[in-house]
Amino acid sequence: MRPSIPAILLLVAVSSATPAATLERCSEVELKVIGLFSVGTASLHLVDCSDTGRVLETIPKQFSLKLDRDMAGEDLIESANELLVENLDDVDGPDELPQELACLANAYVDAVEGERFDVVYEPGNRLALYRNDELLTECPDQGRGHEYFKIWFGEEPFNQRMKKRLLERANGN
C-alpha cells in the first residue's frame, strides 16, 4: 500500500540532520505537490558530488529538507515505515525493520513551516536525525544505516521526480 501524498510529504519534511563539516551540498530542489504548492527545499550532501551513483552505498551522506509548511510527526513516522518496507526486499512489515532503520523512522516529531530537518549517515558509526541543527536522535549503525536513504533514492522513492532532479543536478545536468 502506497502512503498518501500528505503522509509522504510529511516524511520528507521531518528527515534531517545537522550538516557534517566534511559534506558538500551537491544539489538542491524545490519540492512541490502536483506542481502547485511548495512543501519545501530538499538537498543532497556528499563528500564528493561525483559519487551520486553510490548514494545508496555505505558512504557518508545527508538528506535535508527546509519546510514551507507544517508537518505532523505521527504521519511522518507512518510514511517512513511504509516507504522503508516498500524499498527493502527482506522486510514484510514495520516490525521487521532493521534496528537502526526503525530507530530513526520512529523518531519524527511535529514540525512547523521554516524548520529544517537533516538525516545524516556516518558509515559504521551512526544514523542521525536533526531539526534546526539540534540532534533529535542518533541510532548506532549496525551495517544497514545507509539503506534509510532508500526512502528518497530507492526504487520506490517518496517522489521519483525529486530523486531524479537531485541526482541530475549533483552531476551537473
Protein backbone atom coordinates (compact mmCIF):
# COMPACT_ATOMS: atom_id res chain seq x y z
CA MET A 1 0.00 0.00 0.00
CA ARG A 2 1.42 3.41 -1.06
CA PRO A 3 1.41 6.11 1.60
CA SER A 4 -0.88 9.07 0.97
CA ILE A 5 0.57 12.24 -0.54
CA PRO A 6 0.21 14.22 2.73
CA ALA A 7 1.90 11.46 4.69
CA ILE A 8 4.73 11.18 2.19
CA LEU A 9 5.29 14.91 2.22
CA LEU A 10 5.44 14.86 5.98
CA LEU A 11 8.07 12.16 5.91
CA VAL A 12 10.35 14.14 3.70
CA ALA A 13 9.98 17.23 5.82
CA VAL A 14 10.97 15.55 9.01
CA SER A 15 14.02 13.80 7.69
CA SER A 16 17.03 15.86 8.60
CA ALA A 17 20.32 16.27 10.33
CA THR A 18 22.96 18.84 11.06
CA PRO A 19 25.29 19.12 8.09
CA ALA A 20 28.54 17.31 8.64
CA ALA A 21 31.56 19.56 8.10
CA THR A 22 33.06 17.22 5.51
CA LEU A 23 29.95 17.02 3.32
CA GLU A 24 29.29 19.27 0.34
CA ARG A 25 25.80 20.31 -0.74
CA CYS A 26 25.66 18.64 -4.13
CA SER A 27 22.15 19.60 -5.18
CA GLU A 28 19.02 21.33 -4.05
CA VAL A 29 15.48 21.29 -5.46
CA GLU A 30 12.17 22.85 -4.54
CA LEU A 31 9.64 20.21 -3.63
CA LYS A 32 6.15 20.87 -4.98
CA VAL A 33 2.92 18.91 -4.79
CA ILE A 34 1.15 18.49 -8.11
CA GLY A 35 3.37 21.33 -9.32
CA LEU A 36 1.22 23.84 -7.44
CA PHE A 37 2.35 24.42 -3.87
CA SER A 38 5.74 24.19 -2.24
CA VAL A 39 6.43 21.67 0.51
CA GLY A 40 10.00 22.80 1.00
CA THR A 41 13.52 22.64 -0.38
CA ALA A 42 15.33 19.29 -0.42
CA SER A 43 19.09 18.90 -0.67
CA LEU A 44 21.61 16.08 -1.02
CA HIS A 45 25.04 16.31 0.64
CA LEU A 46 28.02 14.04 -0.09
CA VAL A 47 31.80 14.09 0.44
CA ASP A 48 32.26 14.00 -3.36
CA CYS A 49 29.33 15.09 -5.54
CA SER A 50 30.51 12.78 -8.34
CA ASP A 51 29.51 9.88 -6.05
CA THR A 52 25.75 10.22 -6.71
CA GLY A 53 25.80 6.80 -8.38
CA ARG A 54 26.82 5.42 -4.99
CA VAL A 55 24.18 7.29 -2.96
CA LEU A 56 22.68 4.00 -1.71
CA GLU A 57 26.06 2.54 -0.78
CA THR A 58 27.89 2.76 2.53
CA ILE A 59 29.24 6.28 2.08
CA PRO A 60 28.76 9.38 4.27
CA LYS A 61 25.69 11.36 3.22
CA GLN A 62 22.95 13.71 4.28
CA PHE A 63 19.42 14.49 3.08
CA SER A 64 17.93 17.80 4.22
CA LEU A 65 14.57 19.49 3.89
CA LYS A 66 13.65 23.03 4.81
CA LEU A 67 9.87 23.13 5.25
CA ASP A 68 7.44 25.51 3.64
CA ARG A 69 4.53 24.03 5.65
CA ASP A 70 3.69 22.36 8.96
CA MET A 71 4.09 18.57 9.25
CA ALA A 72 2.70 16.09 11.81
CA GLY A 73 5.23 13.74 13.43
CA GLU A 74 2.90 10.72 13.57
CA ASP A 75 2.26 10.99 9.81
CA LEU A 76 5.98 11.14 9.15
CA ILE A 77 6.58 8.06 11.27
CA GLU A 78 3.92 6.12 9.37
CA SER A 79 5.28 7.22 5.99
CA ALA A 80 8.91 6.44 6.88
CA ASN A 81 7.97 2.94 7.96
CA GLU A 82 5.82 2.30 4.86
CA LEU A 83 8.48 3.56 2.44
CA LEU A 84 11.22 1.51 4.10
CA VAL A 85 9.08 -1.64 3.94
CA GLU A 86 8.40 -0.98 0.23
CA ASN A 87 12.09 -0.48 -0.55
CA LEU A 88 13.63 -3.34 1.46
CA ASP A 89 13.37 -6.80 -0.11
CA ASP A 90 13.80 -8.73 3.13
CA VAL A 91 11.17 -6.84 5.17
CA ASP A 92 7.44 -7.57 5.10
CA GLY A 93 6.29 -5.07 7.73
CA PRO A 94 7.45 -2.30 10.07
CA ASP A 95 8.06 -4.80 12.89
CA GLU A 96 10.76 -6.43 10.74
CA LEU A 97 12.79 -3.28 10.04
CA PRO A 98 16.48 -3.44 10.99
CA GLN A 99 17.04 -1.79 14.38
CA GLU A 100 18.86 1.33 13.17
CA LEU A 101 16.22 2.00 10.48
CA ALA A 102 13.31 1.58 12.89
CA CYS A 103 15.11 3.76 15.44
CA LEU A 104 15.23 6.71 13.04
CA ALA A 105 11.88 6.10 11.32
CA ASN A 106 10.10 6.24 14.67
CA ALA A 107 11.87 9.41 15.88
CA TYR A 108 9.99 12.01 13.85
CA VAL A 109 8.27 14.88 15.63
CA ASP A 110 5.85 17.61 14.64
CA ALA A 111 7.44 20.40 12.60
CA VAL A 112 6.38 23.86 11.52
CA GLU A 113 6.99 25.98 8.44
CA GLY A 114 10.55 27.29 8.26
CA GLU A 115 12.15 24.43 10.18
CA ARG A 116 14.89 22.31 8.61
CA PHE A 117 15.41 18.62 9.11
CA ASP A 118 18.51 16.63 8.25
CA VAL A 119 19.16 12.90 8.12
CA VAL A 120 22.88 12.19 8.43
CA TYR A 121 24.61 8.86 7.85
CA GLU A 122 28.14 8.18 9.09
CA PRO A 123 29.15 4.64 7.99
CA GLY A 124 29.95 2.29 10.84
CA ASN A 125 29.04 4.98 13.33
CA ARG A 126 25.50 6.36 13.26
CA LEU A 127 22.33 7.41 11.52
CA ALA A 128 21.08 10.69 12.99
CA LEU A 129 18.05 12.98 12.80
CA TYR A 130 18.34 16.72 13.44
CA ARG A 131 15.84 19.56 13.49
CA ASN A 132 17.29 23.05 13.06
CA ASP A 133 20.78 21.74 13.93
CA GLU A 134 19.51 20.17 17.17
CA LEU A 135 20.01 16.42 17.48
CA LEU A 136 16.68 14.64 17.90
CA THR A 137 18.07 11.10 17.88
CA GLU A 138 21.03 9.04 16.78
CA CYS A 139 20.96 5.35 16.05
CA PRO A 140 24.12 3.21 16.02
CA ASP A 141 24.90 1.94 12.51
CA GLN A 142 24.83 -1.83 12.61
CA GLY A 143 25.53 -2.26 8.90
CA ARG A 144 22.24 -1.14 7.36
CA GLY A 145 22.00 2.57 8.18
CA HIS A 146 22.79 3.53 4.58
CA GLU A 147 19.55 1.86 3.49
CA TYR A 148 17.49 4.60 5.16
CA PHE A 149 18.19 6.74 2.09
CA LYS A 150 16.08 4.35 0.01
CA ILE A 151 13.16 6.48 1.22
CA TRP A 152 14.35 9.18 -1.22
CA PHE A 153 16.66 7.32 -3.61
CA GLY A 154 15.39 3.71 -3.71
CA GLU A 155 13.39 2.00 -6.44
CA GLU A 156 10.14 3.18 -4.81
CA PRO A 157 11.15 6.63 -3.50
CA PHE A 158 8.67 9.03 -2.00
CA ASN A 159 8.96 11.19 -5.15
CA GLN A 160 10.57 9.98 -8.40
CA ARG A 161 10.88 13.50 -9.83
CA MET A 162 12.69 14.80 -6.74
CA LYS A 163 15.05 11.81 -6.79
CA LYS A 164 15.85 12.34 -10.46
CA ARG A 165 16.37 16.10 -10.13
CA LEU A 166 18.60 15.83 -7.04
CA LEU A 167 20.82 13.24 -8.69
CA GLU A 168 20.97 15.02 -12.07
CA ARG A 169 21.79 18.40 -10.52
CA ALA A 170 24.50 16.85 -8.37
CA ASN A 171 26.09 15.55 -11.56
CA GLY A 172 25.88 18.96 -13.24
CA ASN A 173 22.96 18.11 -15.54
